[in-house]
């Protein structure tokens, strides 16, 4: 019998997940005064996705970590 382990980063992201991450990205960009579209915002978005996939699902925690990244 084969056993497969499913990692959180392998699970699909749903529209609710994307809404949370988008809200956090916009808030972090606004807080730091960076454009919502651009390389810096793209890097920040990638970090937010990684954090979310690793279990940081609460928007206030995501935002605090995103701000710390900048």
N, C-alpha and C. Protein backbone atom coordinates (compact mmCIF):
# COMPACT_ATOMS: atom_id res chain seq x y z
N UNK A 1 0.84 -1.18 0.00
CA UNK A 1 0.00 0.00 0.00
C UNK A 1 0.89 1.24 0.00
N UNK A 2 0.61 2.15 -0.88
CA UNK A 2 1.36 3.38 -0.96
C UNK A 2 0.79 4.43 -0.02
N UNK A 3 1.67 5.09 0.64
CA UNK A 3 1.24 6.21 1.49
C UNK A 3 1.75 7.49 0.87
N UNK A 4 0.89 8.43 0.74
CA UNK A 4 1.31 9.73 0.23
C UNK A 4 1.02 10.78 1.28
N UNK A 5 1.97 11.64 1.44
CA UNK A 5 1.73 12.73 2.39
C UNK A 5 1.44 13.99 1.59
N UNK A 6 0.42 14.68 2.01
CA UNK A 6 0.04 15.93 1.35
C UNK A 6 0.54 17.07 2.20
N UNK A 7 1.34 17.91 1.60
CA UNK A 7 1.88 19.07 2.29
C UNK A 7 0.95 20.26 2.08
N UNK A 8 0.89 21.16 3.07
CA UNK A 8 0.01 22.32 2.93
C UNK A 8 0.26 23.13 1.66
N UNK A 9 1.52 23.22 1.24
CA UNK A 9 1.82 24.00 0.04
C UNK A 9 1.33 23.33 -1.23
N UNK A 10 0.91 22.06 -1.14
CA UNK A 10 0.39 21.35 -2.31
C UNK A 10 -1.12 21.50 -2.47
N UNK A 11 -1.78 22.02 -1.45
CA UNK A 11 -3.23 22.17 -1.51
C UNK A 11 -3.61 23.36 -2.40
N UNK A 12 -4.75 23.28 -3.06
CA UNK A 12 -5.16 24.39 -3.92
C UNK A 12 -5.55 25.62 -3.10
N UNK A 13 -5.44 26.77 -3.73
CA UNK A 13 -5.91 28.01 -3.12
C UNK A 13 -7.28 28.34 -3.70
N UNK A 14 -8.21 28.69 -2.85
CA UNK A 14 -9.57 29.01 -3.28
C UNK A 14 -9.77 30.52 -3.28
N UNK A 15 -10.89 30.95 -3.79
CA UNK A 15 -11.13 32.39 -3.92
C UNK A 15 -11.11 33.10 -2.56
N UNK A 16 -11.60 32.45 -1.52
CA UNK A 16 -11.53 33.06 -0.18
C UNK A 16 -10.08 33.27 0.25
N UNK A 17 -9.23 32.29 -0.05
CA UNK A 17 -7.81 32.41 0.27
C UNK A 17 -7.19 33.59 -0.48
N UNK A 18 -7.50 33.66 -1.77
CA UNK A 18 -6.95 34.73 -2.60
C UNK A 18 -7.43 36.10 -2.14
N UNK A 19 -8.68 36.18 -1.71
CA UNK A 19 -9.22 37.44 -1.20
C UNK A 19 -8.45 37.92 0.03
N UNK A 20 -8.15 37.00 0.93
CA UNK A 20 -7.41 37.35 2.15
C UNK A 20 -6.01 37.85 1.78
N UNK A 21 -5.34 37.10 0.91
CA UNK A 21 -3.98 37.48 0.54
C UNK A 21 -3.94 38.80 -0.23
N UNK A 22 -4.94 39.03 -1.08
CA UNK A 22 -5.01 40.29 -1.83
C UNK A 22 -5.22 41.47 -0.89
N UNK A 23 -6.09 41.28 0.09
CA UNK A 23 -6.34 42.34 1.08
C UNK A 23 -5.07 42.67 1.85
N UNK A 24 -4.34 41.64 2.25
CA UNK A 24 -3.10 41.83 2.99
C UNK A 24 -2.06 42.52 2.12
N UNK A 25 -1.94 42.10 0.86
CA UNK A 25 -0.98 42.72 -0.04
C UNK A 25 -1.28 44.20 -0.24
N UNK A 26 -2.53 44.53 -0.47
CA UNK A 26 -2.89 45.94 -0.66
C UNK A 26 -2.62 46.76 0.59
N UNK A 27 -2.93 46.21 1.75
CA UNK A 27 -2.69 46.93 3.00
C UNK A 27 -1.20 47.14 3.24
N UNK A 28 -0.39 46.13 2.98
CA UNK A 28 1.06 46.25 3.18
C UNK A 28 1.66 47.25 2.20
N UNK A 29 1.22 47.21 0.95
CA UNK A 29 1.72 48.15 -0.05
C UNK A 29 1.34 49.59 0.33
N UNK A 30 0.11 49.76 0.74
CA UNK A 30 -0.35 51.09 1.13
C UNK A 30 0.43 51.61 2.33
N UNK A 31 0.65 50.73 3.30
CA UNK A 31 1.37 51.11 4.51
C UNK A 31 2.79 51.56 4.20
N UNK A 32 3.42 50.91 3.24
CA UNK A 32 4.81 51.21 2.89
C UNK A 32 4.94 52.21 1.74
N UNK A 33 3.80 52.58 1.14
CA UNK A 33 3.84 53.55 0.07
C UNK A 33 4.44 53.02 -1.23
N UNK A 34 4.25 51.73 -1.47
CA UNK A 34 4.75 51.16 -2.73
C UNK A 34 3.57 50.88 -3.65
N UNK A 35 3.78 50.97 -4.96
CA UNK A 35 2.69 50.71 -5.90
C UNK A 35 2.18 49.27 -5.78
N UNK A 36 0.89 49.10 -6.00
CA UNK A 36 0.27 47.77 -5.90
C UNK A 36 0.72 46.87 -7.04
N UNK A 37 1.21 47.48 -8.09
CA UNK A 37 1.72 46.71 -9.22
C UNK A 37 3.18 47.10 -9.43
N UNK A 38 4.02 46.12 -9.51
CA UNK A 38 5.45 46.37 -9.67
C UNK A 38 6.24 45.24 -9.06
N UNK A 39 7.55 45.29 -9.25
CA UNK A 39 8.41 44.20 -8.78
C UNK A 39 8.39 44.03 -7.27
N UNK A 40 8.41 45.12 -6.55
CA UNK A 40 8.41 45.02 -5.08
C UNK A 40 7.11 44.39 -4.57
N UNK A 41 5.99 44.79 -5.16
CA UNK A 41 4.69 44.20 -4.78
C UNK A 41 4.62 42.73 -5.18
N UNK A 42 5.21 42.38 -6.31
CA UNK A 42 5.22 40.97 -6.73
C UNK A 42 6.02 40.11 -5.75
N UNK A 43 7.18 40.62 -5.34
CA UNK A 43 7.99 39.87 -4.36
C UNK A 43 7.23 39.73 -3.04
N UNK A 44 6.59 40.80 -2.62
CA UNK A 44 5.83 40.76 -1.38
C UNK A 44 4.65 39.78 -1.51
N UNK A 45 3.99 39.79 -2.65
CA UNK A 45 2.90 38.84 -2.88
C UNK A 45 3.37 37.40 -2.80
N UNK A 46 4.55 37.12 -3.35
CA UNK A 46 5.10 35.76 -3.29
C UNK A 46 5.37 35.35 -1.85
N UNK A 47 5.87 36.28 -1.05
CA UNK A 47 6.13 35.99 0.36
C UNK A 47 4.82 35.71 1.09
N UNK A 48 3.80 36.51 0.81
CA UNK A 48 2.49 36.32 1.46
C UNK A 48 1.92 34.95 1.10
N UNK A 49 2.05 34.56 -0.15
CA UNK A 49 1.56 33.24 -0.57
C UNK A 49 2.31 32.13 0.16
N UNK A 50 3.62 32.25 0.26
CA UNK A 50 4.41 31.24 0.97
C UNK A 50 3.99 31.14 2.44
N UNK A 51 3.85 32.29 3.09
CA UNK A 51 3.43 32.29 4.49
C UNK A 51 2.06 31.64 4.64
N UNK A 52 1.14 31.99 3.75
CA UNK A 52 -0.22 31.45 3.81
C UNK A 52 -0.19 29.93 3.63
N UNK A 53 0.57 29.46 2.67
CA UNK A 53 0.66 28.02 2.41
C UNK A 53 1.33 27.27 3.56
N UNK A 54 2.11 27.98 4.36
CA UNK A 54 2.76 27.34 5.50
C UNK A 54 1.94 27.49 6.79
N UNK A 55 0.71 27.97 6.65
CA UNK A 55 -0.19 27.95 7.79
C UNK A 55 -0.53 29.28 8.42
N UNK A 56 0.06 30.37 7.96
CA UNK A 56 -0.28 31.69 8.51
C UNK A 56 -1.53 32.16 7.77
N UNK A 57 -2.70 31.91 8.35
CA UNK A 57 -3.97 32.18 7.66
C UNK A 57 -4.69 33.42 8.19
N UNK A 58 -4.30 33.87 9.37
CA UNK A 58 -4.95 35.04 9.96
C UNK A 58 -4.41 36.31 9.32
N UNK A 59 -5.32 37.14 8.81
CA UNK A 59 -4.87 38.30 8.05
C UNK A 59 -4.00 39.27 8.86
N UNK A 60 -4.28 39.43 10.14
CA UNK A 60 -3.46 40.35 10.95
C UNK A 60 -2.03 39.83 11.10
N UNK A 61 -1.87 38.53 11.23
CA UNK A 61 -0.53 37.95 11.32
C UNK A 61 0.19 38.03 9.98
N UNK A 62 -0.54 37.75 8.91
CA UNK A 62 0.05 37.87 7.58
C UNK A 62 0.53 39.29 7.34
N UNK A 63 -0.29 40.25 7.69
CA UNK A 63 0.07 41.65 7.49
C UNK A 63 1.30 42.04 8.30
N UNK A 64 1.35 41.61 9.55
CA UNK A 64 2.51 41.93 10.39
C UNK A 64 3.79 41.33 9.80
N UNK A 65 3.71 40.09 9.32
CA UNK A 65 4.89 39.46 8.73
C UNK A 65 5.26 40.09 7.40
N UNK A 66 4.27 40.49 6.62
CA UNK A 66 4.53 41.15 5.34
C UNK A 66 5.22 42.48 5.57
N UNK A 67 4.76 43.22 6.56
CA UNK A 67 5.39 44.51 6.88
C UNK A 67 6.81 44.30 7.37
N UNK A 68 7.05 43.23 8.13
CA UNK A 68 8.40 42.94 8.62
C UNK A 68 9.33 42.59 7.47
N UNK A 69 8.79 41.99 6.43
CA UNK A 69 9.59 41.61 5.26
C UNK A 69 10.11 42.85 4.54
N UNK A 70 9.26 43.87 4.48
CA UNK A 70 9.66 45.09 3.78
C UNK A 70 10.65 45.79 4.63
